[in-house]
Amino acid sequence: MKTTKTKLMFMPFWVIISVFIIASCSTEDIYEQEVDASLGTQTTGFSEGFDLKRGNASQNQLLAQVRRVTAKYHQVEVAIADGYLEASHCVYDEELGAGMGYHFVNQDLVDPFFDPLKPEALLYERDENGKFNLVGVEYIVIDAGQDHPHLGDHPFDVGGTPIPVPHYSLHVWVWKHNPLGMYFPYNPNVSCQ
């Protein structure tokens, strides 16, 4: 009888510890689900680099803010009304087997400065019905001798956009998972077919 009481007495302790361990291991999934629920949109596969132990929570919070402010641009008509105009055909690299999609650029935002919550370009791909679907954003910063820009803790690429002046750019795949990385310029999940 004493043995049974002792086992029962320690059981809640181990149950509590187990729940704590499980909860701490799944923090990133809970965070992503909260962000997605607030957007009312399904966006899975964006926990890349999210690790509270390494201090990347602030970077992921910034990406969540970018998703929040660009969610309205799932309707391309809203993007056009806000000054984003189609500026490229569908960009695709056959060698990489990856695309960037269509670039809708707000020329008024292309200058030596950037606001992470106002990307200079929106990236779209067309579905089988010809409808534009938002897949990511791109930042374009004219190089005027300023410090190398960063989105949070991630540095911009040098060049990368077909404009005739020195510049920095950064593609961010906040709306479509990129197996090559959140910031890689091309995404194999983006097609021009």
C-alpha atoms as a PDB file:
ATOM      1  CA  MET A   1       0.000   0.000   0.000  1.00  0.00           C
ATOM      2  CA  LYS A   2       2.838   2.422   0.827  1.00  0.00           C
ATOM      3  CA  THR A   3       4.456   1.670  -2.530  1.00  0.00           C
ATOM      4  CA  THR A   4       1.255   2.515  -4.403  1.00  0.00           C
ATOM      5  CA  LYS A   5       0.835   5.777  -2.440  1.00  0.00           C
ATOM      6  CA  THR A   6       4.448   6.748  -3.161  1.00  0.00           C
ATOM      7  CA  LYS A   7       4.033   6.081  -6.881  1.00  0.00           C
ATOM      8  CA  LEU A   8       0.824   8.103  -6.986  1.00  0.00           C
ATOM      9  CA  MET A   9       2.445  10.943  -5.065  1.00  0.00           C
ATOM     10  CA  PHE A  10       5.274  11.263  -7.591  1.00  0.00           C
ATOM     11  CA  MET A  11       3.097  10.753 -10.657  1.00  0.00           C
ATOM     12  CA  PRO A  12       1.738  14.345 -10.746  1.00  0.00           C
ATOM     13  CA  PHE A  13       5.293  15.684 -10.572  1.00  0.00           C
ATOM     14  CA  TRP A  14       6.327  13.664 -13.657  1.00  0.00           C
ATOM     15  CA  VAL A  15       3.125  14.540 -15.462  1.00  0.00           C
ATOM     16  CA  ILE A  16       3.752  18.246 -14.849  1.00  0.00           C
ATOM     17  CA  ILE A  17       7.377  17.961 -16.009  1.00  0.00           C
ATOM     18  CA  SER A  18       6.299  16.068 -19.145  1.00  0.00           C
ATOM     19  CA  VAL A  19       3.676  18.666 -20.010  1.00  0.00           C
ATOM     20  CA  PHE A  20       6.232  21.440 -19.508  1.00  0.00           C
ATOM     21  CA  ILE A  21       8.763  19.709 -21.784  1.00  0.00           C
ATOM     22  CA  ILE A  22       6.172  19.084 -24.497  1.00  0.00           C
ATOM     23  CA  ALA A  23       4.925  22.673 -24.300  1.00  0.00           C
ATOM     24  CA  SER A  24       8.419  24.130 -24.524  1.00  0.00           C
ATOM     25  CA  CYS A  25       9.271  21.944 -27.525  1.00  0.00           C
ATOM     26  CA  SER A  26       6.199  23.040 -29.444  1.00  0.00           C
ATOM     27  CA  THR A  27       6.412  26.796 -28.753  1.00  0.00           C
ATOM     28  CA  GLU A  28       7.180  27.606 -32.385  1.00  0.00           C
ATOM     29  CA  ASP A  29       4.164  25.672 -33.648  1.00  0.00           C
ATOM     30  CA  ILE A  30       1.872  27.484 -31.198  1.00  0.00           C
ATOM     31  CA  TYR A  31       3.352  30.850 -32.233  1.00  0.00           C
ATOM     32  CA  GLU A  32       2.820  30.116 -35.922  1.00  0.00           C
ATOM     33  CA  GLN A  33      -0.741  28.932 -35.323  1.00  0.00           C
ATOM     34  CA  GLU A  34      -1.532  32.158 -33.441  1.00  0.00           C
ATOM     35  CA  VAL A  35      -0.106  34.276 -36.237  1.00  0.00           C
ATOM     36  CA  ASP A  36      -1.975  32.308 -38.880  1.00  0.00           C
ATOM     37  CA  ALA A  37      -5.243  32.490 -36.948  1.00  0.00           C
ATOM     38  CA  SER A  38      -4.939  36.268 -36.666  1.00  0.00           C
ATOM     39  CA  LEU A  39      -4.496  36.503 -40.432  1.00  0.00           C
ATOM     40  CA  GLY A  40      -7.356  34.167 -41.186  1.00  0.00           C
ATOM     41  CA  THR A  41      -5.121  32.612 -43.846  1.00  0.00           C
ATOM     42  CA  GLN A  42      -3.366  29.279 -44.007  1.00  0.00           C
ATOM     43  CA  THR A  43       0.403  29.786 -44.076  1.00  0.00           C
ATOM     44  CA  THR A  44       2.318  26.693 -43.125  1.00  0.00           C
ATOM     45  CA  GLY A  45       6.003  25.947 -43.229  1.00  0.00           C
ATOM     46  CA  PHE A  46       7.281  29.332 -42.066  1.00  0.00           C
ATOM     47  CA  SER A  47       8.981  28.340 -38.841  1.00  0.00           C
ATOM     48  CA  GLU A  48      12.397  28.305 -40.562  1.00  0.00           C
ATOM     49  CA  GLY A  49      15.035  29.524 -38.164  1.00  0.00           C
ATOM     50  CA  PHE A  50      12.605  29.945 -35.285  1.00  0.00           C
ATOM     51  CA  ASP A  51      14.435  28.904 -32.160  1.00  0.00           C
ATOM     52  CA  LEU A  52      13.947  30.700 -28.869  1.00  0.00           C
ATOM     53  CA  LYS A  53      17.245  29.313 -27.592  1.00  0.00           C
ATOM     54  CA  ARG A  54      19.161  31.024 -30.415  1.00  0.00           C
ATOM     55  CA  GLY A  55      17.245  34.290 -30.084  1.00  0.00           C
ATOM     56  CA  ASN A  56      15.471  34.286 -33.460  1.00  0.00           C
ATOM     57  CA  ALA A  57      12.059  35.045 -31.999  1.00  0.00           C
ATOM     58  CA  SER A  58      12.357  38.761 -32.855  1.00  0.00           C
ATOM     59  CA  GLN A  59      13.155  37.937 -36.507  1.00  0.00           C
ATOM     60  CA  ASN A  60      10.083  35.736 -36.716  1.00  0.00           C
ATOM     61  CA  GLN A  61       7.954  38.403 -35.075  1.00  0.00           C
ATOM     62  CA  LEU A  62       9.147  40.827 -37.772  1.00  0.00           C
ATOM     63  CA  LEU A  63       8.199  38.309 -40.480  1.00  0.00           C
ATOM     64  CA  ALA A  64       4.787  37.900 -38.834  1.00  0.00           C
ATOM     65  CA  GLN A  65       4.323  41.686 -38.995  1.00  0.00           C
ATOM     66  CA  VAL A  66       5.263  41.656 -42.690  1.00  0.00           C
ATOM     67  CA  ARG A  67       2.634  38.948 -43.270  1.00  0.00           C
ATOM     68  CA  ARG A  68       0.047  40.950 -41.350  1.00  0.00           C
ATOM     69  CA  VAL A  69       0.548  44.178 -43.304  1.00  0.00           C
ATOM     70  CA  THR A  70       0.723  42.449 -46.686  1.00  0.00           C
ATOM     71  CA  ALA A  71      -2.252  40.112 -46.147  1.00  0.00           C
ATOM     72  CA  LYS A  72      -4.553  42.614 -47.868  1.00  0.00           C
ATOM     73  CA  TYR A  73      -2.498  42.225 -51.057  1.00  0.00           C
ATOM     74  CA  HIS A  74      -3.823  38.732 -51.645  1.00  0.00           C
ATOM     75  CA  GLN A  75      -6.318  40.743 -53.680  1.00  0.00           C
ATOM     76  CA  VAL A  76      -4.150  42.114 -56.477  1.00  0.00           C
ATOM     77  CA  GLU A  77      -6.688  44.909 -57.013  1.00  0.00           C
ATOM     78  CA  VAL A  78      -5.836  46.255 -53.549  1.00  0.00           C
ATOM     79  CA  ALA A  79      -2.119  46.191 -54.413  1.00  0.00           C
ATOM     80  CA  ILE A  80      -2.775  48.111 -57.641  1.00  0.00           C
ATOM     81  CA  ALA A  81      -4.902  50.670 -55.769  1.00  0.00           C
ATOM     82  CA  ASP A  82      -1.973  51.150 -53.337  1.00  0.00           C
ATOM     83  CA  GLY A  83       0.448  51.898 -56.197  1.00  0.00           C
ATOM     84  CA  TYR A  84       1.925  48.454 -56.917  1.00  0.00           C
ATOM     85  CA  LEU A  85       2.026  47.987 -60.691  1.00  0.00           C
ATOM     86  CA  GLU A  86       3.085  44.943 -62.676  1.00  0.00           C
ATOM     87  CA  ALA A  87       6.744  45.536 -63.548  1.00  0.00           C
ATOM     88  CA  SER A  88       7.928  42.181 -64.910  1.00  0.00           C
ATOM     89  CA  HIS A  89       6.901  39.105 -66.770  1.00  0.00           C
ATOM     90  CA  CYS A  90       6.991  35.918 -64.709  1.00  0.00           C
ATOM     91  CA  VAL A  91      10.650  35.469 -63.725  1.00  0.00           C
ATOM     92  CA  TYR A  92      11.884  31.873 -63.772  1.00  0.00           C
ATOM     93  CA  ASP A  93      15.379  30.352 -63.846  1.00  0.00           C
ATOM     94  CA  GLU A  94      15.397  27.115 -65.870  1.00  0.00           C
ATOM     95  CA  GLU A  95      18.807  26.021 -64.514  1.00  0.00           C
ATOM     96  CA  LEU A  96      17.673  26.371 -60.909  1.00  0.00           C
ATOM     97  CA  GLY A  97      14.189  25.103 -61.642  1.00  0.00           C
ATOM     98  CA  ALA A  98      12.879  27.942 -59.492  1.00  0.00           C
ATOM     99  CA  GLY A  99      10.996  31.187 -59.971  1.00  0.00           C
ATOM    100  CA  MET A 100      10.377  34.607 -58.515  1.00  0.00           C
ATOM    101  CA  GLY A 101       7.020  35.142 -60.172  1.00  0.00           C
ATOM    102  CA  TYR A 102       5.560  38.470 -61.267  1.00  0.00           C
ATOM    103  CA  HIS A 103       6.913  41.617 -59.626  1.00  0.00           C
ATOM    104  CA  PHE A 104       4.432  44.353 -58.756  1.00  0.00           C
ATOM    105  CA  VAL A 105       6.520  47.388 -57.782  1.00  0.00           C
ATOM    106  CA  ASN A 106       5.552  50.614 -56.050  1.00  0.00           C
ATOM    107  CA  GLN A 107       8.052  53.017 -57.671  1.00  0.00           C
ATOM    108  CA  ASP A 108       7.376  55.671 -55.024  1.00  0.00           C
ATOM    109  CA  LEU A 109       8.975  53.395 -52.426  1.00  0.00           C
ATOM    110  CA  VAL A 110      12.189  52.659 -54.382  1.00  0.00           C
ATOM    111  CA  ASP A 111      14.807  54.960 -52.832  1.00  0.00           C
ATOM    112  CA  PRO A 112      17.820  54.727 -50.454  1.00  0.00           C
ATOM    113  CA  PHE A 113      15.531  53.935 -47.503  1.00  0.00           C
ATOM    114  CA  PHE A 114      13.204  51.097 -46.620  1.00  0.00           C
ATOM    115  CA  ASP A 115      10.443  50.366 -44.189  1.00  0.00           C
ATOM    116  CA  PRO A 116      10.089  46.647 -43.397  1.00  0.00           C
ATOM    117  CA  LEU A 117       6.321  47.094 -43.292  1.00  0.00           C
ATOM    118  CA  LYS A 118       6.200  48.737 -46.748  1.00  0.00           C
ATOM    119  CA  PRO A 119       7.988  46.438 -49.214  1.00  0.00           C
ATOM    120  CA  GLU A 120       8.901  48.010 -52.528  1.00  0.00           C
ATOM    121  CA  ALA A 121       7.646  44.987 -54.500  1.00  0.00           C
ATOM    122  CA  LEU A 122       5.061  42.239 -54.138  1.00  0.00           C
ATOM    123  CA  LEU A 123       5.666  38.821 -55.711  1.00  0.00           C
ATOM    124  CA  TYR A 124       2.803  36.933 -57.357  1.00  0.00           C
ATOM    125  CA  GLU A 125       2.290  33.756 -59.311  1.00  0.00           C
ATOM    126  CA  ARG A 126      -0.736  32.849 -61.397  1.00  0.00           C
ATOM    127  CA  ASP A 127      -2.874  29.838 -60.633  1.00  0.00           C
ATOM    128  CA  GLU A 128      -4.418  27.538 -63.268  1.00  0.00           C
ATOM    129  CA  ASN A 129      -7.307  30.025 -63.677  1.00  0.00           C
ATOM    130  CA  GLY A 130      -4.974  32.980 -64.281  1.00  0.00           C
ATOM    131  CA  LYS A 131      -5.625  34.537 -60.859  1.00  0.00           C
ATOM    132  CA  PHE A 132      -2.670  36.252 -59.169  1.00  0.00           C
ATOM    133  CA  ASN A 133      -1.657  34.715 -55.830  1.00  0.00           C
ATOM    134  CA  LEU A 134       0.657  36.560 -53.450  1.00  0.00           C
ATOM    135  CA  VAL A 135       3.761  34.480 -52.673  1.00  0.00           C
ATOM    136  CA  GLY A 136       6.281  36.925 -51.209  1.00  0.00           C
ATOM    137  CA  VAL A 137       7.689  40.430 -51.033  1.00  0.00           C
ATOM    138  CA  GLU A 138      10.872  42.088 -52.208  1.00  0.00           C
ATOM    139  CA  TYR A 139      12.744  45.021 -50.733  1.00  0.00           C
ATOM    140  CA  ILE A 140      14.748  47.259 -53.094  1.00  0.00           C
ATOM    141  CA  VAL A 141      17.076  49.881 -51.625  1.00  0.00           C
ATOM    142  CA  ILE A 142      19.146  52.263 -53.780  1.00  0.00           C
ATOM    143  CA  ASP A 143      22.801  52.240 -52.656  1.00  0.00           C
ATOM    144  CA  ALA A 144      23.629  55.829 -51.725  1.00  0.00           C
ATOM    145  CA  GLY A 145      26.669  54.905 -49.611  1.00  0.00           C
ATOM    146  CA  GLN A 146      24.624  54.045 -46.520  1.00  0.00           C
ATOM    147  CA  ASP A 147      25.305  51.054 -44.269  1.00  0.00           C
ATOM    148  CA  HIS A 148      24.410  47.681 -45.733  1.00  0.00           C
ATOM    149  CA  PRO A 149      20.682  47.270 -44.975  1.00  0.00           C
ATOM    150  CA  HIS A 150      19.297  44.351 -42.962  1.00  0.00           C
ATOM    151  CA  LEU A 151      15.784  43.047 -42.469  1.00  0.00           C
ATOM    152  CA  GLY A 152      16.025  42.397 -38.761  1.00  0.00           C
ATOM    153  CA  ASP A 153      19.225  40.361 -38.533  1.00  0.00           C
ATOM    154  CA  HIS A 154      19.291  39.239 -42.180  1.00  0.00           C
ATOM    155  CA  PRO A 155      21.468  41.234 -44.652  1.00  0.00           C
ATOM    156  CA  PHE A 156      20.191  42.295 -48.042  1.00  0.00           C
ATOM    157  CA  ASP A 157      21.725  40.925 -51.245  1.00  0.00           C
ATOM    158  CA  VAL A 158      23.888  43.295 -53.307  1.00  0.00           C
ATOM    159  CA  GLY A 159      22.100  44.002 -56.594  1.00  0.00           C
ATOM    160  CA  GLY A 160      19.750  41.339 -57.851  1.00  0.00           C
ATOM    161  CA  THR A 161      17.069  43.498 -59.438  1.00  0.00           C
ATOM    162  CA  PRO A 162      17.289  44.768 -63.029  1.00  0.00           C
ATOM    163  CA  ILE A 163      17.584  48.467 -62.234  1.00  0.00           C
ATOM    164  CA  PRO A 164      20.409  50.594 -63.670  1.00  0.00           C
ATOM    165  CA  VAL A 165      21.843  51.932 -60.410  1.00  0.00           C
ATOM    166  CA  PRO A 166      23.736  50.245 -57.552  1.00  0.00           C
ATOM    167  CA  HIS A 167      21.246  48.811 -55.079  1.00  0.00           C
ATOM    168  CA  TYR A 168      20.418  46.154 -52.525  1.00  0.00           C
ATOM    169  CA  SER A 169      17.498  43.756 -52.685  1.00  0.00           C
ATOM    170  CA  LEU A 170      15.956  41.050 -50.569  1.00  0.00           C
ATOM    171  CA  HIS A 171      13.269  38.517 -51.458  1.00  0.00           C
ATOM    172  CA  VAL A 172      11.224  37.269 -48.512  1.00  0.00           C
ATOM    173  CA  TRP A 173       8.914  34.299 -49.066  1.00  0.00           C
ATOM    174  CA  VAL A 174       6.358  35.094 -46.387  1.00  0.00           C
ATOM    175  CA  TRP A 175       3.407  33.647 -48.316  1.00  0.00           C
ATOM    176  CA  LYS A 176       4.859  30.532 -49.978  1.00  0.00           C
ATOM    177  CA  HIS A 177       7.347  28.151 -48.416  1.00  0.00           C
ATOM    178  CA  ASN A 178      10.772  28.169 -50.061  1.00  0.00           C
ATOM    179  CA  PRO A 179      12.804  24.986 -49.442  1.00  0.00           C
ATOM    180  CA  LEU A 180      15.948  26.936 -50.399  1.00  0.00           C
ATOM    181  CA  GLY A 181      15.371  29.376 -47.549  1.00  0.00           C
ATOM    182  CA  MET A 182      13.115  32.248 -46.559  1.00  0.00           C
ATOM    183  CA  TYR A 183      15.470  34.805 -48.178  1.00  0.00           C
ATOM    184  CA  PHE A 184      16.804  32.943 -51.221  1.00  0.00           C
ATOM    185  CA  PRO A 185      15.959  34.957 -54.389  1.00  0.00           C
ATOM    186  CA  TYR A 186      14.394  32.038 -56.279  1.00  0.00           C
ATOM    187  CA  ASN A 187      11.761  29.637 -55.025  1.00  0.00           C
ATOM    188  CA  PRO A 188      11.350  26.144 -56.568  1.00  0.00           C
ATOM    189  CA  ASN A 189       7.724  26.179 -55.422  1.00  0.00           C
ATOM    190  CA  VAL A 190       6.993  29.184 -57.669  1.00  0.00           C
ATOM    191  CA  SER A 191       6.148  28.316 -61.239  1.00  0.00           C
ATOM    192  CA  CYS A 192       5.574  30.268 -64.418  1.00  0.00           C
ATOM    193  CA  GLN A 193       3.643  27.425 -66.053  1.00  0.00           C
END
